[in-house]
Protein backbone atom coordinates (compact mmCIF):
# COMPACT_ATOMS: atom_id res chain seq x y z
CA UNK A 1 32.14 11.63 23.57
CA UNK A 2 30.53 8.25 24.32
CA UNK A 3 27.36 10.02 25.38
CA UNK A 4 27.19 11.88 22.06
CA UNK A 5 27.71 8.63 20.14
CA UNK A 6 24.99 6.92 22.17
CA UNK A 7 22.55 9.75 21.55
CA UNK A 8 23.37 9.79 17.84
CA UNK A 9 22.80 6.04 17.50
CA UNK A 10 19.49 6.23 19.40
CA UNK A 11 18.25 9.07 17.19
CA UNK A 12 19.33 7.15 14.07
CA UNK A 13 17.35 4.08 15.19
CA UNK A 14 14.32 6.24 15.91
CA UNK A 15 14.58 7.90 12.50
CA UNK A 16 14.82 4.58 10.65
CA UNK A 17 11.69 3.32 12.43
CA UNK A 18 9.89 6.53 11.56
CA UNK A 19 11.03 6.23 7.94
CA UNK A 20 9.68 2.67 7.73
CA UNK A 21 6.37 3.80 9.25
CA UNK A 22 6.14 6.68 6.77
CA UNK A 23 6.71 4.35 3.80
CA UNK A 24 4.05 1.96 5.09
CA UNK A 25 1.58 4.77 5.63
CA UNK A 26 2.17 6.24 2.16
CA UNK A 27 1.72 2.78 0.64
CA UNK A 28 -1.52 2.38 2.58
CA UNK A 29 -2.86 5.68 1.26
CA UNK A 30 -2.07 4.61 -2.32
CA UNK A 31 -3.70 1.23 -1.74
CA UNK A 32 -6.77 2.90 -0.25
CA UNK A 33 -7.15 5.04 -3.40
CA UNK A 34 -7.13 1.85 -5.46
CA UNK A 35 -9.74 0.34 -3.14
CA UNK A 36 -11.97 3.41 -3.52
CA UNK A 37 -11.55 3.18 -7.31
CA UNK A 38 -12.53 -0.52 -7.19
CA UNK A 39 -15.65 0.27 -5.21
CA UNK A 40 -16.58 3.15 -7.51
CA UNK A 41 -16.18 0.96 -10.60
CA UNK A 42 -18.25 -1.82 -9.06
CA UNK A 43 -20.92 0.69 -8.03
CA UNK A 44 -21.18 1.80 -11.66
CA UNK A 45 -21.09 -1.82 -12.92
CA UNK A 46 -22.96 -3.87 -10.29
CA UNK A 47 -23.04 -7.05 -12.38
CA UNK A 48 -19.24 -7.18 -12.72
CA UNK A 49 -17.24 -9.62 -10.62
CA UNK A 50 -14.34 -8.19 -8.61
CA UNK A 51 -12.16 -11.09 -9.78
CA UNK A 52 -12.22 -9.68 -13.33
CA UNK A 53 -10.93 -6.21 -12.43
CA UNK A 54 -7.82 -5.02 -14.24
CA UNK A 55 -5.87 -1.78 -14.56
CA UNK A 56 -7.77 -0.69 -17.66
CA UNK A 57 -11.03 -0.73 -15.68
CA UNK A 58 -9.71 0.83 -12.46
CA UNK A 59 -7.43 3.62 -13.75
CA UNK A 60 -10.27 5.91 -14.90
CA UNK A 61 -11.66 5.79 -11.34
CA UNK A 62 -8.37 6.72 -9.64
CA UNK A 63 -7.82 10.29 -8.48
CA UNK A 64 -6.14 11.91 -11.44
CA UNK A 65 -6.82 8.82 -13.54
CA UNK A 66 -3.25 8.62 -14.75
CA UNK A 67 -1.91 5.24 -13.67
CA UNK A 68 -1.79 2.76 -10.82
CA UNK A 69 0.48 3.82 -7.97
CA UNK A 70 3.96 2.38 -8.09
CA UNK A 71 5.13 1.19 -4.69
CA UNK A 72 8.40 -0.37 -3.56
CA UNK A 73 8.94 -2.60 -0.53
CA UNK A 74 11.15 -1.66 2.40
CA UNK A 75 13.92 -3.56 0.64
CA UNK A 76 13.42 -1.56 -2.59
CA UNK A 77 11.63 -4.29 -4.58
CA UNK A 78 8.76 -3.09 -6.80
CA UNK A 79 5.39 -4.33 -5.58
CA UNK A 80 2.32 -5.21 -7.61
CA UNK A 81 -1.26 -4.50 -6.60
CA UNK A 82 -3.70 -7.40 -6.69
CA UNK A 83 -6.74 -5.72 -8.22
CA UNK A 84 -8.81 -8.91 -8.10
CA UNK A 85 -8.77 -8.89 -4.30
CA UNK A 86 -11.26 -6.78 -2.34
CA UNK A 87 -9.71 -4.90 -0.62
CA UNK A 88 -6.59 -4.94 -2.79
CA UNK A 89 -3.26 -6.12 -1.41
CA UNK A 90 0.34 -5.64 -2.37
CA UNK A 91 2.10 -8.63 -3.91
CA UNK A 92 5.80 -9.39 -3.92
CA UNK A 93 6.63 -12.33 -6.15
CA UNK A 94 2.99 -13.42 -6.14
CA UNK A 95 2.72 -13.52 -2.33
CA UNK A 96 0.99 -10.85 -0.21
CA UNK A 97 3.37 -8.22 1.18
CA UNK A 98 2.75 -6.62 4.56
CA UNK A 99 5.79 -6.30 6.86
CA UNK A 100 3.72 -4.72 9.63
CA UNK A 101 2.49 -6.63 12.67
CA UNK A 102 -1.17 -6.86 11.63
CA UNK A 103 -3.12 -7.12 8.39
CA UNK A 104 -5.55 -4.33 9.32
CA UNK A 105 -3.35 -1.68 10.93
CA UNK A 106 -3.31 0.78 8.03
CA UNK A 107 0.35 0.12 7.21
CA UNK A 108 0.85 -1.63 3.85
CA UNK A 109 -2.90 -2.37 3.81
CA UNK A 110 -6.19 -0.48 3.63
CA UNK A 111 -6.74 -0.79 7.37
CA UNK A 112 -10.03 -1.49 9.07
CA UNK A 113 -13.14 -0.72 7.08
């Protein structure tokens, strides 16, 4: 019985780590689509400054063009996307949000480019 409980707890820990990785990867994919939209907009408007970008300018360049992705943190808090940053970053309460170990690992960020 103890062996079954030990195996169940180990598999639960592994699943929660995988779930956190999956959320970070999905967030990274959404952030990368925003980054591509930023670059496409700036390619069409080369005299624009990235610091002036807003949702109204970026949304038409997103795949589907519907709206900015809505992302929540690992704790369930809604995150904002800083469109004035190149590449964009997630913000939680005005501060950058990236619970992964590195800022260029492709989890909660656009990764290396």
